[in-house]
Each structure stands twice: as structure tokens, then as C-alpha cells.
Amino acid sequence: MKISARQSEMETLNAALMSDKPEFLAVYGRRRVGKTFLIREFFRQEPDIFYLESTGQKNATMRKQIDHFCYQIETAFSLKLPIQRPATWSKLFRFVNELLKNRSEKHLVLFFDELPWLAGPRSGFIQALEHCWNQWWSSDARIKLIICGSAASS
């Protein structure tokens, strides 16, 4: 499917992708306007990209959010066996970081959709993501981190 009437947004995504430094993008807006579709379609067409996407689930426990995220990791990295489910986002992001070190692609796109649902109260998601970005990913030019959420995700 071709994306139309989103030229400005596509130019922003392309600039981030082609940047020679790490990029951290936040995409937000009203529900059901095509934010997720735009990001998926844009990166699906690009060569030499490793793409990891995980979407938060409304009203899910942290345990269920982590379980879903682990499944997305298993799929994206083509892991043969299920990975051990860590108890915290910090441990999970450390694991992802170790997996990313071994990737040979020119671009590593990490897309976390429905961020308000992933980052529930006392989940530690935001703190873990911030630490991972500051500690490792902000110095890896291949990393393109995209977070997305609706203006009313409750």
C-alpha cells in the first residue's frame, strides 16, 4: 500500500534513518490517524534494516507486557527457543542490547508502540528505557529508537 498525504512525516523518518548518529523520535497524536501504519510501512520498504516492534497492551500487567515483548524479540531475532522472561524492564533491555551488538545491519530500528500502555504505573519501563538509551544506544549511530502513543491512550 502506498502512503499518501504524509510527505512531511516521511521526510522526517527518512532524515532520522539516514542520519549518521543515533536518533530518538517520539510520534504522538489522536487515536486512529495512522501513526503506526506510517512507521510500519515506511520501514518495511527500506533495505538493510533490522526492525523490532513491540506494542503495549491496554490494561495488561507488567508481566504480560514483558511476555509479549519477549515474544517480539524471539520473532525479530529469529531465536529458536523461547527466551527466559526477566522480571524487570531493565534486565530485558540489557538482553536486547546484547543481541543488538551482534547485528550487522546498517540500521537498527526499535519501535515501541502504545508507549503509555507499556509504561504503566510503577512498571519501571521509562526508567529502564532512559538508562538503556543514555548508557548504550545514544552512542550507536545504527540505533533509531521510535516511541509512539496516542494523545488519549487511557
N, C-alpha and C. Protein backbone atom coordinates (compact mmCIF):
# COMPACT_ATOMS: atom_id res chain seq x y z
N MET A 1 0.85 -1.18 0.00
CA MET A 1 0.00 0.00 0.00
C MET A 1 0.89 1.24 0.00
N LYS A 2 0.52 2.21 -0.76
CA LYS A 2 1.29 3.44 -0.87
C LYS A 2 0.78 4.47 0.15
N ILE A 3 1.73 5.15 0.76
CA ILE A 3 1.40 6.19 1.73
C ILE A 3 1.27 7.50 0.98
N SER A 4 0.15 8.20 1.18
CA SER A 4 -0.03 9.49 0.54
C SER A 4 -0.39 10.54 1.59
N ALA A 5 -0.16 11.77 1.27
CA ALA A 5 -0.50 12.92 2.12
C ALA A 5 0.28 12.91 3.43
N ARG A 6 1.40 12.27 3.46
CA ARG A 6 2.24 12.24 4.67
C ARG A 6 3.69 12.54 4.31
N GLN A 7 3.89 13.39 3.32
CA GLN A 7 5.23 13.66 2.82
C GLN A 7 6.14 14.24 3.91
N SER A 8 5.64 15.16 4.68
CA SER A 8 6.46 15.77 5.74
C SER A 8 6.90 14.74 6.76
N GLU A 9 5.97 13.88 7.17
CA GLU A 9 6.30 12.85 8.15
C GLU A 9 7.31 11.85 7.58
N MET A 10 7.13 11.50 6.31
CA MET A 10 8.06 10.56 5.68
C MET A 10 9.45 11.18 5.53
N GLU A 11 9.52 12.46 5.27
CA GLU A 11 10.81 13.14 5.20
C GLU A 11 11.51 13.13 6.56
N THR A 12 10.74 13.31 7.62
CA THR A 12 11.31 13.25 8.97
C THR A 12 11.85 11.86 9.27
N LEU A 13 11.07 10.82 8.95
CA LEU A 13 11.53 9.45 9.16
C LEU A 13 12.77 9.15 8.33
N ASN A 14 12.78 9.60 7.08
CA ASN A 14 13.94 9.37 6.23
C ASN A 14 15.18 10.08 6.75
N ALA A 15 15.02 11.30 7.22
CA ALA A 15 16.16 12.04 7.78
C ALA A 15 16.72 11.31 8.99
N ALA A 16 15.85 10.80 9.85
CA ALA A 16 16.31 10.06 11.02
C ALA A 16 17.03 8.78 10.60
N LEU A 17 16.48 8.09 9.63
CA LEU A 17 17.08 6.84 9.18
C LEU A 17 18.45 7.07 8.56
N MET A 18 18.57 8.10 7.76
CA MET A 18 19.82 8.36 7.05
C MET A 18 20.85 9.11 7.90
N SER A 19 20.47 9.54 9.07
CA SER A 19 21.37 10.27 9.96
C SER A 19 22.57 9.39 10.32
N ASP A 20 23.71 10.03 10.46
CA ASP A 20 24.92 9.29 10.87
C ASP A 20 25.11 9.31 12.38
N LYS A 21 24.02 9.53 13.09
CA LYS A 21 24.06 9.48 14.55
C LYS A 21 22.80 8.78 15.06
N PRO A 22 22.81 8.34 16.29
CA PRO A 22 21.59 7.70 16.82
C PRO A 22 20.45 8.71 16.86
N GLU A 23 19.23 8.20 16.72
CA GLU A 23 18.05 9.07 16.70
C GLU A 23 16.99 8.51 17.64
N PHE A 24 16.30 9.41 18.33
CA PHE A 24 15.22 9.05 19.25
C PHE A 24 14.02 9.91 18.86
N LEU A 25 13.01 9.28 18.26
CA LEU A 25 11.83 10.01 17.77
C LEU A 25 10.61 9.67 18.62
N ALA A 26 9.80 10.66 18.88
CA ALA A 26 8.51 10.45 19.55
C ALA A 26 7.41 10.84 18.57
N VAL A 27 6.50 9.93 18.33
CA VAL A 27 5.38 10.16 17.43
C VAL A 27 4.11 10.08 18.27
N TYR A 28 3.32 11.14 18.20
CA TYR A 28 2.10 11.13 19.01
C TYR A 28 0.99 11.85 18.25
N GLY A 29 -0.21 11.61 18.67
CA GLY A 29 -1.36 12.24 18.04
C GLY A 29 -2.63 11.53 18.44
N ARG A 30 -3.73 11.95 17.87
CA ARG A 30 -5.02 11.31 18.17
C ARG A 30 -4.99 9.84 17.76
N ARG A 31 -5.87 9.09 18.38
CA ARG A 31 -6.01 7.68 18.03
C ARG A 31 -6.55 7.53 16.61
N ARG A 32 -6.11 6.44 15.96
CA ARG A 32 -6.66 6.03 14.67
C ARG A 32 -6.39 7.00 13.51
N VAL A 33 -5.26 7.72 13.58
CA VAL A 33 -4.93 8.62 12.46
C VAL A 33 -3.82 8.05 11.57
N GLY A 34 -3.29 6.86 11.91
CA GLY A 34 -2.31 6.21 11.03
C GLY A 34 -0.86 6.31 11.47
N LYS A 35 -0.60 6.61 12.72
CA LYS A 35 0.79 6.73 13.20
C LYS A 35 1.55 5.41 13.03
N THR A 36 0.96 4.35 13.55
CA THR A 36 1.60 3.04 13.48
C THR A 36 1.73 2.57 12.04
N PHE A 37 0.69 2.74 11.27
CA PHE A 37 0.72 2.35 9.86
C PHE A 37 1.85 3.06 9.13
N LEU A 38 2.00 4.34 9.34
CA LEU A 38 3.05 5.12 8.69
C LEU A 38 4.43 4.56 9.01
N ILE A 39 4.68 4.30 10.27
CA ILE A 39 6.01 3.82 10.68
C ILE A 39 6.27 2.42 10.11
N ARG A 40 5.31 1.53 10.24
CA ARG A 40 5.48 0.17 9.71
C ARG A 40 5.74 0.18 8.21
N GLU A 41 4.91 0.90 7.48
CA GLU A 41 5.04 0.91 6.03
C GLU A 41 6.34 1.56 5.58
N PHE A 42 6.74 2.62 6.25
CA PHE A 42 7.98 3.30 5.87
C PHE A 42 9.18 2.36 6.03
N PHE A 43 9.30 1.72 7.17
CA PHE A 43 10.48 0.89 7.42
C PHE A 43 10.41 -0.47 6.74
N ARG A 44 9.25 -0.93 6.39
CA ARG A 44 9.11 -2.19 5.67
C ARG A 44 9.73 -2.09 4.28
N GLN A 45 9.76 -0.90 3.72
CA GLN A 45 10.26 -0.70 2.36
C GLN A 45 11.77 -0.46 2.30
N GLU A 46 12.38 -0.26 3.45
CA GLU A 46 13.79 0.11 3.46
C GLU A 46 14.70 -1.13 3.54
N PRO A 47 15.78 -1.14 2.74
CA PRO A 47 16.72 -2.27 2.79
C PRO A 47 17.71 -2.13 3.95
N ASP A 48 18.33 -3.21 4.31
CA ASP A 48 19.41 -3.27 5.30
C ASP A 48 19.00 -2.70 6.66
N ILE A 49 17.80 -3.07 7.10
CA ILE A 49 17.29 -2.62 8.39
C ILE A 49 16.94 -3.83 9.24
N PHE A 50 17.35 -3.79 10.49
CA PHE A 50 16.80 -4.70 11.47
C PHE A 50 15.67 -3.94 12.17
N TYR A 51 14.51 -4.57 12.27
CA TYR A 51 13.32 -3.90 12.78
C TYR A 51 12.72 -4.71 13.93
N LEU A 52 12.63 -4.09 15.10
CA LEU A 52 11.98 -4.70 16.26
C LEU A 52 10.83 -3.80 16.68
N GLU A 53 9.65 -4.38 16.72
CA GLU A 53 8.46 -3.62 17.12
C GLU A 53 7.78 -4.34 18.27
N SER A 54 7.35 -3.58 19.25
CA SER A 54 6.52 -4.13 20.31
C SER A 54 5.44 -3.10 20.64
N THR A 55 4.23 -3.61 20.84
CA THR A 55 3.09 -2.75 21.10
C THR A 55 2.55 -3.03 22.49
N GLY A 56 2.35 -1.98 23.27
CA GLY A 56 1.76 -2.13 24.59
C GLY A 56 0.32 -2.60 24.49
N GLN A 57 -0.11 -3.28 25.54
CA GLN A 57 -1.48 -3.79 25.60
C GLN A 57 -2.23 -3.06 26.70
N LYS A 58 -3.40 -2.56 26.35
CA LYS A 58 -4.22 -1.81 27.30
C LYS A 58 -4.57 -2.68 28.51
N ASN A 59 -4.37 -2.13 29.70
CA ASN A 59 -4.72 -2.75 30.97
C ASN A 59 -3.99 -4.07 31.25
N ALA A 60 -2.91 -4.35 30.54
CA ALA A 60 -2.15 -5.57 30.80
C ALA A 60 -1.18 -5.35 31.96
N THR A 61 -0.91 -6.41 32.69
CA THR A 61 0.07 -6.32 33.77
C THR A 61 1.47 -6.16 33.18
N MET A 62 2.40 -5.72 34.01
CA MET A 62 3.78 -5.60 33.56
C MET A 62 4.29 -6.96 33.09
N ARG A 63 3.94 -8.01 33.80
CA ARG A 63 4.36 -9.37 33.44
C ARG A 63 3.89 -9.73 32.03
N LYS A 64 2.63 -9.40 31.72
CA LYS A 64 2.10 -9.69 30.38
C LYS A 64 2.77 -8.82 29.32
N GLN A 65 3.05 -7.56 29.66
CA GLN A 65 3.75 -6.68 28.71
C GLN A 65 5.14 -7.24 28.40
N ILE A 66 5.85 -7.68 29.43
CA ILE A 66 7.19 -8.24 29.24
C ILE A 66 7.12 -9.53 28.44
N ASP A 67 6.14 -10.37 28.72
CA ASP A 67 5.98 -11.62 27.98
C ASP A 67 5.76 -11.34 26.49
N HIS A 68 4.90 -10.38 26.18
CA HIS A 68 4.64 -10.03 24.78
C HIS A 68 5.91 -9.47 24.14
N PHE A 69 6.62 -8.62 24.85
CA PHE A 69 7.85 -8.03 24.33
C PHE A 69 8.87 -9.14 24.04
N CYS A 70 8.98 -10.11 24.94
CA CYS A 70 9.91 -11.22 24.73
C CYS A 70 9.56 -12.01 23.47
N TYR A 71 8.27 -12.21 23.24
CA TYR A 71 7.86 -12.91 22.03
C TYR A 71 8.29 -12.12 20.79
N GLN A 72 8.14 -10.81 20.83
CA GLN A 72 8.56 -9.97 19.70
C GLN A 72 10.07 -10.07 19.49
N ILE A 73 10.83 -10.16 20.57
CA ILE A 73 12.28 -10.32 20.47
C ILE A 73 12.61 -11.66 19.80
N GLU A 74 11.95 -12.72 20.27
CA GLU A 74 12.19 -14.05 19.70
C GLU A 74 11.92 -14.04 18.20
N THR A 75 10.84 -13.39 17.79
CA THR A 75 10.48 -13.33 16.38
C THR A 75 11.46 -12.48 15.58
N ALA A 76 11.74 -11.29 16.05
CA ALA A 76 12.60 -10.36 15.30
C ALA A 76 14.03 -10.90 15.15
N PHE A 77 14.54 -11.54 16.19
CA PHE A 77 15.91 -12.05 16.17
C PHE A 77 15.97 -13.50 15.67
N SER A 78 14.83 -14.07 15.30
CA SER A 78 14.74 -15.47 14.82
C SER A 78 15.38 -16.44 15.81
N LEU A 79 15.05 -16.26 17.08
CA LEU A 79 15.59 -17.15 18.10
C LEU A 79 14.83 -18.47 18.06
N LYS A 80 15.54 -19.57 18.18
CA LYS A 80 14.94 -20.90 18.05
C LYS A 80 14.16 -21.32 19.29
N LEU A 81 14.61 -20.92 20.45
CA LEU A 81 13.96 -21.30 21.70
C LEU A 81 13.40 -20.07 22.39
N PRO A 82 12.36 -20.23 23.17
CA PRO A 82 11.85 -19.09 23.94
C PRO A 82 12.92 -18.58 24.92
N ILE A 83 12.99 -17.29 25.05
CA ILE A 83 13.95 -16.72 25.99
C ILE A 83 13.34 -16.70 27.39
N GLN A 84 14.21 -16.67 28.37
CA GLN A 84 13.75 -16.58 29.75
C GLN A 84 13.11 -15.20 29.95
N ARG A 85 11.97 -15.18 30.61
CA ARG A 85 11.26 -13.93 30.85
C ARG A 85 11.83 -13.25 32.08
N PRO A 86 12.55 -12.13 31.90
CA PRO A 86 13.08 -11.42 33.07
C PRO A 86 11.96 -10.74 33.85
N ALA A 87 12.26 -10.43 35.09
CA ALA A 87 11.25 -9.83 35.97
C ALA A 87 11.14 -8.32 35.79
N THR A 88 12.14 -7.69 35.17
CA THR A 88 12.14 -6.23 35.06
C THR A 88 12.46 -5.79 33.64
N TRP A 89 12.03 -4.58 33.32
CA TRP A 89 12.36 -3.98 32.03
C TRP A 89 13.86 -3.75 31.91
N SER A 90 14.52 -3.39 32.99
CA SER A 90 15.97 -3.16 32.95
C SER A 90 16.71 -4.39 32.45
N LYS A 91 16.36 -5.55 33.00
CA LYS A 91 17.02 -6.79 32.58
C LYS A 91 16.68 -7.12 31.13
N LEU A 92 15.47 -6.86 30.73
CA LEU A 92 15.08 -7.14 29.36
C LEU A 92 15.80 -6.23 28.37
N PHE A 93 15.93 -4.95 28.68
CA PHE A 93 16.66 -4.04 27.79
C PHE A 93 18.14 -4.38 27.73
N ARG A 94 18.73 -4.84 28.82
CA ARG A 94 20.13 -5.27 28.78
C ARG A 94 20.28 -6.46 27.82
N PHE A 95 19.32 -7.38 27.88
CA PHE A 95 19.34 -8.53 26.98
C PHE A 95 19.23 -8.08 25.52
N VAL A 96 18.30 -7.19 25.24
CA VAL A 96 18.15 -6.66 23.87
C VAL A 96 19.44 -6.00 23.42
N ASN A 97 20.05 -5.22 24.29
CA ASN A 97 21.30 -4.55 23.94
C ASN A 97 22.37 -5.55 23.54
N GLU A 98 22.49 -6.66 24.27
CA GLU A 98 23.48 -7.68 23.93
C GLU A 98 23.17 -8.29 22.56
N LEU A 99 21.91 -8.54 22.27
CA LEU A 99 21.54 -9.09 20.97
C LEU A 99 21.85 -8.10 19.84
N LEU A 100 21.61 -6.83 20.08
CA LEU A 100 21.85 -5.81 19.04
C LEU A 100 23.32 -5.68 18.70
N LYS A 101 24.19 -5.91 19.66
CA LYS A 101 25.63 -5.79 19.41
C LYS A 101 26.09 -6.70 18.27
N ASN A 102 25.41 -7.82 18.10
CA ASN A 102 25.81 -8.81 17.10
C ASN A 102 25.14 -8.63 15.74
N ARG A 103 24.34 -7.61 15.59
CA ARG A 103 23.65 -7.38 14.32
C ARG A 103 24.59 -6.70 13.33
N SER A 104 24.46 -7.07 12.07
CA SER A 104 25.34 -6.49 11.04
C SER A 104 24.63 -5.44 10.18
N GLU A 105 23.33 -5.29 10.36
CA GLU A 105 22.59 -4.33 9.54
C GLU A 105 23.09 -2.91 9.78
N LYS A 106 22.92 -2.10 8.75
CA LYS A 106 23.33 -0.70 8.82
C LYS A 106 22.45 0.11 9.77
N HIS A 107 21.17 -0.27 9.89
CA HIS A 107 20.21 0.45 10.73
C HIS A 107 19.49 -0.53 11.65
N LEU A 108 19.35 -0.13 12.91
CA LEU A 108 18.63 -0.92 13.89
C LEU A 108 17.45 -0.08 14.38
N VAL A 109 16.27 -0.40 13.90
CA VAL A 109 15.07 0.36 14.23
C VAL A 109 14.32 -0.35 15.35
N LEU A 110 14.11 0.36 16.45
CA LEU A 110 13.37 -0.16 17.59
C LEU A 110 12.12 0.70 17.73
N PHE A 111 10.97 0.08 17.57
CA PHE A 111 9.70 0.79 17.57
C PHE A 111 8.84 0.29 18.73
N PHE A 112 8.59 1.16 19.69
CA PHE A 112 7.76 0.84 20.84
C PHE A 112 6.46 1.62 20.71
N ASP A 113 5.40 0.89 20.38
CA ASP A 113 4.10 1.49 20.10
C ASP A 113 3.21 1.41 21.34
N GLU A 114 2.26 2.32 21.42
CA GLU A 114 1.36 2.43 22.58
C GLU A 114 2.17 2.54 23.88
N LEU A 115 3.11 3.46 23.85
CA LEU A 115 4.02 3.66 24.99
C LEU A 115 3.30 3.86 26.32
N PRO A 116 2.21 4.63 26.38
CA PRO A 116 1.55 4.78 27.68
C PRO A 116 1.08 3.46 28.28
N TRP A 117 0.78 2.49 27.45
CA TRP A 117 0.36 1.19 27.98
C TRP A 117 1.56 0.36 28.41
N LEU A 118 2.69 0.48 27.70
CA LEU A 118 3.92 -0.21 28.12
C LEU A 118 4.45 0.35 29.44
N ALA A 119 4.32 1.65 29.58
CA ALA A 119 4.93 2.35 30.71
C ALA A 119 3.90 2.61 31.80
N GLY A 120 3.26 1.56 32.26
CA GLY A 120 2.25 1.71 33.30
C GLY A 120 2.87 2.16 34.61
N PRO A 121 2.01 2.54 35.55
CA PRO A 121 2.50 2.99 36.85
C PRO A 121 3.40 1.95 37.51
N ARG A 122 4.50 2.39 38.00
CA ARG A 122 5.47 1.56 38.72
C ARG A 122 6.04 0.41 37.88
N SER A 123 5.93 0.49 36.57
CA SER A 123 6.46 -0.58 35.72
C SER A 123 7.97 -0.50 35.58
N GLY A 124 8.52 0.72 35.70
CA GLY A 124 9.95 0.91 35.51
C GLY A 124 10.36 0.98 34.05
N PHE A 125 9.38 0.96 33.14
CA PHE A 125 9.70 0.95 31.71
C PHE A 125 10.46 2.22 31.29
N ILE A 126 9.93 3.36 31.65
CA ILE A 126 10.55 4.63 31.23
C ILE A 126 11.97 4.75 31.79
N GLN A 127 12.14 4.42 33.06
CA GLN A 127 13.46 4.50 33.68
C GLN A 127 14.44 3.54 33.00
N ALA A 128 13.98 2.33 32.69
CA ALA A 128 14.85 1.36 32.03
C ALA A 128 15.21 1.80 30.61
N LEU A 129 14.22 2.32 29.89
CA LEU A 129 14.48 2.80 28.53
C LEU A 129 15.44 3.99 28.55
N GLU A 130 15.21 4.90 29.47
CA GLU A 130 16.10 6.06 29.59
C GLU A 130 17.53 5.62 29.89
N HIS A 131 17.68 4.68 30.81
CA HIS A 131 19.02 4.20 31.15
C HIS A 131 19.69 3.53 29.95
N CYS A 132 18.94 2.69 29.26
CA CYS A 132 19.49 2.00 28.09
C CYS A 132 19.90 2.99 27.01
N TRP A 133 19.05 3.97 26.77
CA TRP A 133 19.39 4.99 25.77
C TRP A 133 20.66 5.74 26.19
N ASN A 134 20.69 6.22 27.42
CA ASN A 134 21.83 7.00 27.88
C ASN A 134 23.11 6.18 27.97
N GLN A 135 23.01 4.94 28.37
CA GLN A 135 24.18 4.09 28.59
C GLN A 135 24.76 3.52 27.30
N TRP A 136 23.90 3.07 26.37
CA TRP A 136 24.39 2.35 25.20
C TRP A 136 23.92 2.93 23.88
N TRP A 137 22.62 3.05 23.72
CA TRP A 137 22.09 3.31 22.39
C TRP A 137 22.39 4.71 21.88
N SER A 138 22.56 5.68 22.74
CA SER A 138 22.83 7.05 22.28
C SER A 138 24.23 7.20 21.71
N SER A 139 25.03 6.17 21.78
CA SER A 139 26.36 6.23 21.18
C SER A 139 26.51 5.25 20.01
N ASP A 140 25.42 4.64 19.59
CA ASP A 140 25.45 3.70 18.47
C ASP A 140 24.66 4.32 17.31
N ALA A 141 25.38 4.78 16.31
CA ALA A 141 24.75 5.50 15.19
C ALA A 141 23.74 4.65 14.43
N ARG A 142 23.78 3.34 14.59
CA ARG A 142 22.82 2.48 13.89
C ARG A 142 21.43 2.54 14.51
N ILE A 143 21.34 2.93 15.78
CA ILE A 143 20.08 2.89 16.52
C ILE A 143 19.15 4.03 16.11
N LYS A 144 17.93 3.65 15.78
CA LYS A 144 16.85 4.59 15.51
C LYS A 144 15.69 4.15 16.40
N LEU A 145 15.53 4.82 17.51
CA LEU A 145 14.52 4.47 18.51
C LEU A 145 13.28 5.33 18.28
N ILE A 146 12.14 4.67 18.14
CA ILE A 146 10.89 5.38 17.89
C ILE A 146 9.88 4.94 18.94
N ILE A 147 9.33 5.91 19.64
CA ILE A 147 8.25 5.63 20.58
C ILE A 147 6.99 6.29 20.04
N CYS A 148 5.86 5.66 20.30
CA CYS A 148 4.62 6.16 19.73
C CYS A 148 3.51 6.00 20.75
N GLY A 149 2.65 6.98 20.80
CA GLY A 149 1.50 6.91 21.68
C GLY A 149 0.41 7.86 21.24
N SER A 150 -0.78 7.53 21.65
CA SER A 150 -1.91 8.36 21.31
C SER A 150 -2.10 9.45 22.35
N ALA A 151 -2.71 10.52 21.94
CA ALA A 151 -2.96 11.63 22.85
C ALA A 151 -3.87 11.21 23.99
N ALA A 152 -4.69 10.20 23.75
CA ALA A 152 -5.59 9.69 24.79
C ALA A 152 -5.50 8.17 24.81
N SER A 153 -4.47 7.65 25.47
CA SER A 153 -4.23 6.21 25.48
C SER A 153 -4.83 5.52 26.70
N SER A 154 -5.64 6.21 27.47
CA SER A 154 -6.18 5.58 28.67
C SER A 154 -7.35 4.68 28.35
